[in-house]
């Protein structure tokens, strides 16, 4: 997604954000859905910095989920 953003390929970024939003809801991770929505809103506003912030939040959320799963193992 970051590569698509760097290439200013917003349709790809938007498609992936929409998939994140839907997958988060389907899999029981509403916070992930919110991040997907935040990316979509930032795209609509033309806010590249907002997209990057949301992607950073997404990455850190996934890292936290991974650490949580490791701790339970």
PDB file of N, CA and C in Angstrom:
ATOM      1  N   UNK A   1       0.824  -1.183   0.000  1.00  0.00           N
ATOM      2  CA  UNK A   1       0.000   0.000   0.000  1.00  0.00           C
ATOM      3  C   UNK A   1       0.872   1.253   0.000  1.00  0.00           C
ATOM      4  N   UNK A   2       1.972   1.186   0.731  1.00  0.00           N
ATOM      5  CA  UNK A   2       2.875   2.350   0.750  1.00  0.00           C
ATOM      6  C   UNK A   2       3.500   2.578  -0.630  1.00  0.00           C
ATOM      7  N   UNK A   3       3.792   1.498  -1.334  1.00  0.00           N
ATOM      8  CA  UNK A   3       4.335   1.646  -2.685  1.00  0.00           C
ATOM      9  C   UNK A   3       3.315   2.314  -3.596  1.00  0.00           C
ATOM     10  N   UNK A   4       2.062   1.909  -3.473  1.00  0.00           N
ATOM     11  CA  UNK A   4       1.003   2.517  -4.280  1.00  0.00           C
ATOM     12  C   UNK A   4       0.852   3.995  -3.938  1.00  0.00           C
ATOM     13  N   UNK A   5       0.951   4.327  -2.657  1.00  0.00           N
ATOM     14  CA  UNK A   5       0.861   5.726  -2.253  1.00  0.00           C
ATOM     15  C   UNK A   5       2.032   6.528  -2.814  1.00  0.00           C
ATOM     16  N   UNK A   6       3.236   5.961  -2.730  1.00  0.00           N
ATOM     17  CA  UNK A   6       4.418   6.660  -3.257  1.00  0.00           C
ATOM     18  C   UNK A   6       4.280   6.907  -4.752  1.00  0.00           C
ATOM     19  N   UNK A   7       3.615   5.985  -5.442  1.00  0.00           N
ATOM     20  CA  UNK A   7       3.391   6.138  -6.884  1.00  0.00           C
ATOM     21  C   UNK A   7       2.147   6.977  -7.171  1.00  0.00           C
ATOM     22  N   UNK A   8       1.500   7.451  -6.102  1.00  0.00           N
ATOM     23  CA  UNK A   8       0.273   8.249  -6.208  1.00  0.00           C
ATOM     24  C   UNK A   8      -0.834   7.479  -6.920  1.00  0.00           C
ATOM     25  N   UNK A   9      -0.852   6.158  -6.685  1.00  0.00           N
ATOM     26  CA  UNK A   9      -1.868   5.286  -7.266  1.00  0.00           C
ATOM     27  C   UNK A   9      -3.007   5.162  -6.249  1.00  0.00           C
ATOM     28  N   UNK A  10      -3.777   6.221  -6.144  1.00  0.00           N
ATOM     29  CA  UNK A  10      -4.825   6.297  -5.135  1.00  0.00           C
ATOM     30  C   UNK A  10      -5.926   5.255  -5.318  1.00  0.00           C
ATOM     31  N   UNK A  11      -6.283   4.869  -6.542  1.00  0.00           N
ATOM     32  CA  UNK A  11      -7.299   3.813  -6.666  1.00  0.00           C
ATOM     33  C   UNK A  11      -6.878   2.496  -5.992  1.00  0.00           C
ATOM     34  N   UNK A  12      -5.601   2.151  -6.079  1.00  0.00           N
ATOM     35  CA  UNK A  12      -5.121   0.936  -5.418  1.00  0.00           C
ATOM     36  C   UNK A  12      -5.136   1.110  -3.909  1.00  0.00           C
ATOM     37  N   UNK A  13      -4.678   2.251  -3.431  1.00  0.00           N
ATOM     38  CA  UNK A  13      -4.675   2.515  -1.986  1.00  0.00           C
ATOM     39  C   UNK A  13      -6.106   2.463  -1.459  1.00  0.00           C
ATOM     40  N   UNK A  14      -7.023   3.076  -2.187  1.00  0.00           N
ATOM     41  CA  UNK A  14      -8.425   3.092  -1.759  1.00  0.00           C
ATOM     42  C   UNK A  14      -9.013   1.686  -1.745  1.00  0.00           C
ATOM     43  N   UNK A  15      -8.709   0.889  -2.752  1.00  0.00           N
ATOM     44  CA  UNK A  15      -9.210  -0.484  -2.810  1.00  0.00           C
ATOM     45  C   UNK A  15      -8.691  -1.291  -1.624  1.00  0.00           C
ATOM     46  N   UNK A  16      -7.413  -1.155  -1.323  1.00  0.00           N
ATOM     47  CA  UNK A  16      -6.831  -1.893  -0.205  1.00  0.00           C
ATOM     48  C   UNK A  16      -7.389  -1.397   1.127  1.00  0.00           C
ATOM     49  N   UNK A  17      -7.598  -0.109   1.249  1.00  0.00           N
ATOM     50  CA  UNK A  17      -8.183   0.442   2.473  1.00  0.00           C
ATOM     51  C   UNK A  17      -9.587  -0.107   2.679  1.00  0.00           C
ATOM     52  N   UNK A  18     -10.341  -0.199   1.605  1.00  0.00           N
ATOM     53  CA  UNK A  18     -11.702  -0.735   1.687  1.00  0.00           C
ATOM     54  C   UNK A  18     -11.667  -2.206   2.112  1.00  0.00           C
ATOM     55  N   UNK A  19     -10.707  -2.957   1.593  1.00  0.00           N
ATOM     56  CA  UNK A  19     -10.558  -4.356   1.984  1.00  0.00           C
ATOM     57  C   UNK A  19     -10.196  -4.477   3.463  1.00  0.00           C
ATOM     58  N   UNK A  20      -9.317  -3.602   3.937  1.00  0.00           N
ATOM     59  CA  UNK A  20      -8.948  -3.592   5.357  1.00  0.00           C
ATOM     60  C   UNK A  20     -10.182  -3.307   6.207  1.00  0.00           C
ATOM     61  N   UNK A  21     -10.949  -2.320   5.798  1.00  0.00           N
ATOM     62  CA  UNK A  21     -12.146  -1.941   6.542  1.00  0.00           C
ATOM     63  C   UNK A  21     -13.112  -3.124   6.633  1.00  0.00           C
ATOM     64  N   UNK A  22     -13.343  -3.784   5.519  1.00  0.00           N
ATOM     65  CA  UNK A  22     -14.269  -4.916   5.510  1.00  0.00           C
ATOM     66  C   UNK A  22     -13.735  -6.123   6.254  1.00  0.00           C
ATOM     67  N   UNK A  23     -12.472  -6.417   6.092  1.00  0.00           N
ATOM     68  CA  UNK A  23     -11.873  -7.574   6.769  1.00  0.00           C
ATOM     69  C   UNK A  23     -11.860  -7.390   8.273  1.00  0.00           C
ATOM     70  N   UNK A  24     -11.565  -6.179   8.712  1.00  0.00           N
ATOM     71  CA  UNK A  24     -11.579  -5.913  10.152  1.00  0.00           C
ATOM     72  C   UNK A  24     -12.944  -6.198  10.748  1.00  0.00           C
ATOM     73  N   UNK A  25     -13.981  -5.765  10.068  1.00  0.00           N
ATOM     74  CA  UNK A  25     -15.338  -6.011  10.562  1.00  0.00           C
ATOM     75  C   UNK A  25     -15.713  -7.474  10.510  1.00  0.00           C
ATOM     76  N   UNK A  26     -15.370  -8.138   9.413  1.00  0.00           N
ATOM     77  CA  UNK A  26     -15.713  -9.549   9.247  1.00  0.00           C
ATOM     78  C   UNK A  26     -14.998 -10.442  10.247  1.00  0.00           C
ATOM     79  N   UNK A  27     -13.791 -10.055  10.631  1.00  0.00           N
ATOM     80  CA  UNK A  27     -12.968 -10.891  11.505  1.00  0.00           C
ATOM     81  C   UNK A  27     -13.048 -10.479  12.971  1.00  0.00           C
ATOM     82  N   UNK A  28     -13.874  -9.497  13.272  1.00  0.00           N
ATOM     83  CA  UNK A  28     -14.054  -9.091  14.659  1.00  0.00           C
ATOM     84  C   UNK A  28     -13.000  -8.138  15.197  1.00  0.00           C
ATOM     85  N   UNK A  29     -12.419  -7.338  14.311  1.00  0.00           N
ATOM     86  CA  UNK A  29     -11.431  -6.349  14.726  1.00  0.00           C
ATOM     87  C   UNK A  29     -11.918  -4.956  14.315  1.00  0.00           C
ATOM     88  N   UNK A  30     -12.850  -4.402  15.079  1.00  0.00           N
ATOM     89  CA  UNK A  30     -13.428  -3.119  14.682  1.00  0.00           C
ATOM     90  C   UNK A  30     -12.408  -1.984  14.599  1.00  0.00           C
ATOM     91  N   UNK A  31     -11.355  -2.047  15.422  1.00  0.00           N
ATOM     92  CA  UNK A  31     -10.338  -0.992  15.365  1.00  0.00           C
ATOM     93  C   UNK A  31      -9.637  -0.979  14.006  1.00  0.00           C
ATOM     94  N   UNK A  32      -9.447  -2.159  13.428  1.00  0.00           N
ATOM     95  CA  UNK A  32      -8.828  -2.251  12.105  1.00  0.00           C
ATOM     96  C   UNK A  32      -9.763  -1.650  11.056  1.00  0.00           C
ATOM     97  N   UNK A  33     -11.060  -1.901  11.210  1.00  0.00           N
ATOM     98  CA  UNK A  33     -12.037  -1.307  10.292  1.00  0.00           C
ATOM     99  C   UNK A  33     -11.989   0.210  10.323  1.00  0.00           C
ATOM    100  N   UNK A  34     -11.837   0.760  11.513  1.00  0.00           N
ATOM    101  CA  UNK A  34     -11.758   2.222  11.662  1.00  0.00           C
ATOM    102  C   UNK A  34     -10.527   2.760  10.938  1.00  0.00           C
ATOM    103  N   UNK A  35      -9.423   2.046  11.036  1.00  0.00           N
ATOM    104  CA  UNK A  35      -8.207   2.485  10.338  1.00  0.00           C
ATOM    105  C   UNK A  35      -8.435   2.473   8.827  1.00  0.00           C
ATOM    106  N   UNK A  36      -9.068   1.420   8.324  1.00  0.00           N
ATOM    107  CA  UNK A  36      -9.390   1.382   6.894  1.00  0.00           C
ATOM    108  C   UNK A  36     -10.246   2.565   6.481  1.00  0.00           C
ATOM    109  N   UNK A  37     -11.224   2.881   7.318  1.00  0.00           N
ATOM    110  CA  UNK A  37     -12.081   4.037   7.036  1.00  0.00           C
ATOM    111  C   UNK A  37     -11.281   5.340   7.100  1.00  0.00           C
ATOM    112  N   UNK A  38     -10.373   5.438   8.052  1.00  0.00           N
ATOM    113  CA  UNK A  38      -9.535   6.640   8.155  1.00  0.00           C
ATOM    114  C   UNK A  38      -8.710   6.834   6.881  1.00  0.00           C
ATOM    115  N   UNK A  39      -8.204   5.732   6.334  1.00  0.00           N
ATOM    116  CA  UNK A  39      -7.433   5.825   5.090  1.00  0.00           C
ATOM    117  C   UNK A  39      -8.339   6.302   3.957  1.00  0.00           C
ATOM    118  N   UNK A  40      -9.537   5.723   3.870  1.00  0.00           N
ATOM    119  CA  UNK A  40     -10.483   6.143   2.831  1.00  0.00           C
ATOM    120  C   UNK A  40     -10.807   7.633   2.949  1.00  0.00           C
ATOM    121  N   UNK A  41     -11.036   8.096   4.156  1.00  0.00           N
ATOM    122  CA  UNK A  41     -11.365   9.509   4.360  1.00  0.00           C
ATOM    123  C   UNK A  41     -10.186  10.411   4.003  1.00  0.00           C
ATOM    124  N   UNK A  42      -8.978   9.975   4.350  1.00  0.00           N
ATOM    125  CA  UNK A  42      -7.793  10.762   4.015  1.00  0.00           C
ATOM    126  C   UNK A  42      -7.602  10.835   2.501  1.00  0.00           C
ATOM    127  N   UNK A  43      -7.887   9.738   1.811  1.00  0.00           N
ATOM    128  CA  UNK A  43      -7.799   9.746   0.344  1.00  0.00           C
ATOM    129  C   UNK A  43      -8.800  10.751  -0.223  1.00  0.00           C
ATOM    130  N   UNK A  44     -10.029  10.678   0.271  1.00  0.00           N
ATOM    131  CA  UNK A  44     -11.078  11.579  -0.224  1.00  0.00           C
ATOM    132  C   UNK A  44     -10.718  13.044   0.012  1.00  0.00           C
ATOM    133  N   UNK A  45      -9.996  13.308   1.102  1.00  0.00           N
ATOM    134  CA  UNK A  45      -9.605  14.682   1.436  1.00  0.00           C
ATOM    135  C   UNK A  45      -8.307  15.096   0.744  1.00  0.00           C
ATOM    136  N   UNK A  46      -7.648  14.154   0.049  1.00  0.00           N
ATOM    137  CA  UNK A  46      -6.369  14.471  -0.581  1.00  0.00           C
ATOM    138  C   UNK A  46      -5.267  14.693   0.440  1.00  0.00           C
ATOM    139  N   UNK A  47      -5.373  14.007   1.562  1.00  0.00           N
ATOM    140  CA  UNK A  47      -4.462  14.209   2.690  1.00  0.00           C
ATOM    141  C   UNK A  47      -3.429  13.073   2.759  1.00  0.00           C
ATOM    142  N   UNK A  48      -2.341  13.214   2.005  1.00  0.00           N
ATOM    143  CA  UNK A  48      -1.306  12.174   1.992  1.00  0.00           C
ATOM    144  C   UNK A  48      -0.720  11.935   3.378  1.00  0.00           C
ATOM    145  N   UNK A  49      -0.514  12.993   4.144  1.00  0.00           N
ATOM    146  CA  UNK A  49       0.031  12.840   5.499  1.00  0.00           C
ATOM    147  C   UNK A  49      -0.939  12.040   6.375  1.00  0.00           C
ATOM    148  N   UNK A  50      -2.220  12.263   6.185  1.00  0.00           N
ATOM    149  CA  UNK A  50      -3.233  11.502   6.929  1.00  0.00           C
ATOM    150  C   UNK A  50      -3.235  10.037   6.547  1.00  0.00           C
ATOM    151  N   UNK A  51      -2.997   9.767   5.270  1.00  0.00           N
ATOM    152  CA  UNK A  51      -2.903   8.376   4.816  1.00  0.00           C
ATOM    153  C   UNK A  51      -1.712   7.708   5.488  1.00  0.00           C
ATOM    154  N   UNK A  52      -0.583   8.393   5.502  1.00  0.00           N
ATOM    155  CA  UNK A  52       0.633   7.834   6.117  1.00  0.00           C
ATOM    156  C   UNK A  52       0.402   7.596   7.609  1.00  0.00           C
ATOM    157  N   UNK A  53      -0.227   8.540   8.292  1.00  0.00           N
ATOM    158  CA  UNK A  53      -0.505   8.363   9.725  1.00  0.00           C
ATOM    159  C   UNK A  53      -1.378   7.135   9.957  1.00  0.00           C
ATOM    160  N   UNK A  54      -2.413   6.982   9.129  1.00  0.00           N
ATOM    161  CA  UNK A  54      -3.305   5.828   9.276  1.00  0.00           C
ATOM    162  C   UNK A  54      -2.567   4.525   8.964  1.00  0.00           C
ATOM    163  N   UNK A  55      -1.700   4.540   7.955  1.00  0.00           N
ATOM    164  CA  UNK A  55      -0.916   3.344   7.648  1.00  0.00           C
ATOM    165  C   UNK A  55       0.038   3.001   8.798  1.00  0.00           C
ATOM    166  N   UNK A  56       0.637   4.014   9.401  1.00  0.00           N
ATOM    167  CA  UNK A  56       1.501   3.782  10.559  1.00  0.00           C
ATOM    168  C   UNK A  56       0.701   3.169  11.705  1.00  0.00           C
ATOM    169  N   UNK A  57      -0.502   3.687  11.912  1.00  0.00           N
ATOM    170  CA  UNK A  57      -1.379   3.159  12.959  1.00  0.00           C
ATOM    171  C   UNK A  57      -1.749   1.708  12.653  1.00  0.00           C
ATOM    172  N   UNK A  58      -2.039   1.427  11.397  1.00  0.00           N
ATOM    173  CA  UNK A  58      -2.373   0.070  10.964  1.00  0.00           C
ATOM    174  C   UNK A  58      -1.207  -0.880  11.254  1.00  0.00           C
ATOM    175  N   UNK A  59      -0.008  -0.467  10.881  1.00  0.00           N
ATOM    176  CA  UNK A  59       1.182  -1.296  11.096  1.00  0.00           C
ATOM    177  C   UNK A  59       1.396  -1.558  12.581  1.00  0.00           C
ATOM    178  N   UNK A  60       1.295  -0.524  13.396  1.00  0.00           N
ATOM    179  CA  UNK A  60       1.507  -0.718  14.833  1.00  0.00           C
ATOM    180  C   UNK A  60       0.407  -1.589  15.442  1.00  0.00           C
ATOM    181  N   UNK A  61      -0.818  -1.465  14.942  1.00  0.00           N
ATOM    182  CA  UNK A  61      -1.908  -2.308  15.434  1.00  0.00           C
ATOM    183  C   UNK A  61      -1.658  -3.772  15.103  1.00  0.00           C
ATOM    184  N   UNK A  62      -1.180  -4.030  13.894  1.00  0.00           N
ATOM    185  CA  UNK A  62      -0.862  -5.414  13.523  1.00  0.00           C
ATOM    186  C   UNK A  62       0.283  -5.953  14.366  1.00  0.00           C
ATOM    187  N   UNK A  63       1.282  -5.122  14.622  1.00  0.00           N
ATOM    188  CA  UNK A  63       2.397  -5.536  15.471  1.00  0.00           C
ATOM    189  C   UNK A  63       1.908  -5.891  16.873  1.00  0.00           C
ATOM    190  N   UNK A  64       0.998  -5.082  17.411  1.00  0.00           N
ATOM    191  CA  UNK A  64       0.450  -5.353  18.740  1.00  0.00           C
ATOM    192  C   UNK A  64      -0.334  -6.661  18.755  1.00  0.00           C
ATOM    193  N   UNK A  65      -1.103  -6.898  17.679  1.00  0.00           N
ATOM    194  CA  UNK A  65      -1.873  -8.137  17.594  1.00  0.00           C
ATOM    195  C   UNK A  65      -0.936  -9.342  17.535  1.00  0.00           C
ATOM    196  N   UNK A  66       0.141  -9.217  16.793  1.00  0.00           N
ATOM    197  CA  UNK A  66       1.101 -10.304  16.669  1.00  0.00           C
ATOM    198  C   UNK A  66       1.755 -10.587  18.015  1.00  0.00           C
ATOM    199  N   UNK A  67       2.156  -9.544  18.717  1.00  0.00           N
ATOM    200  CA  UNK A  67       2.768  -9.726  20.040  1.00  0.00           C
ATOM    201  C   UNK A  67       1.784 -10.357  21.005  1.00  0.00           C
ATOM    202  N   UNK A  68       0.539  -9.955  20.919  1.00  0.00           N
ATOM    203  CA  UNK A  68      -0.490 -10.516  21.790  1.00  0.00           C
ATOM    204  C   UNK A  68      -0.668 -12.009  21.518  1.00  0.00           C
ATOM    205  N   UNK A  69      -0.662 -12.390  20.262  1.00  0.00           N
ATOM    206  CA  UNK A  69      -0.810 -13.795  19.904  1.00  0.00           C
ATOM    207  C   UNK A  69       0.390 -14.610  20.350  1.00  0.00           C
ATOM    208  N   UNK A  70       1.574 -14.052  20.242  1.00  0.00           N
ATOM    209  CA  UNK A  70       2.793 -14.738  20.679  1.00  0.00           C
ATOM    210  C   UNK A  70       2.744 -14.946  22.196  1.00  0.00           C
ATOM    211  N   UNK A  71       2.296 -13.933  22.920  1.00  0.00           N
ATOM    212  CA  UNK A  71       2.226 -14.014  24.378  1.00  0.00           C
ATOM    213  C   UNK A  71       1.260 -15.104  24.829  1.00  0.00           C
ATOM    214  N   UNK A  72       0.209 -15.343  24.055  1.00  0.00           N
ATOM    215  CA  UNK A  72      -0.772 -16.373  24.415  1.00  0.00           C
ATOM    216  C   UNK A  72      -0.266 -17.773  24.098  1.00  0.00           C
ATOM    217  N   UNK A  73       0.747 -17.897  23.248  1.00  0.00           N
ATOM    218  CA  UNK A  73       1.222 -19.217  22.831  1.00  0.00           C
ATOM    219  C   UNK A  73       1.981 -19.923  23.923  1.00  0.00           C
TER     220      UNK A  73
END
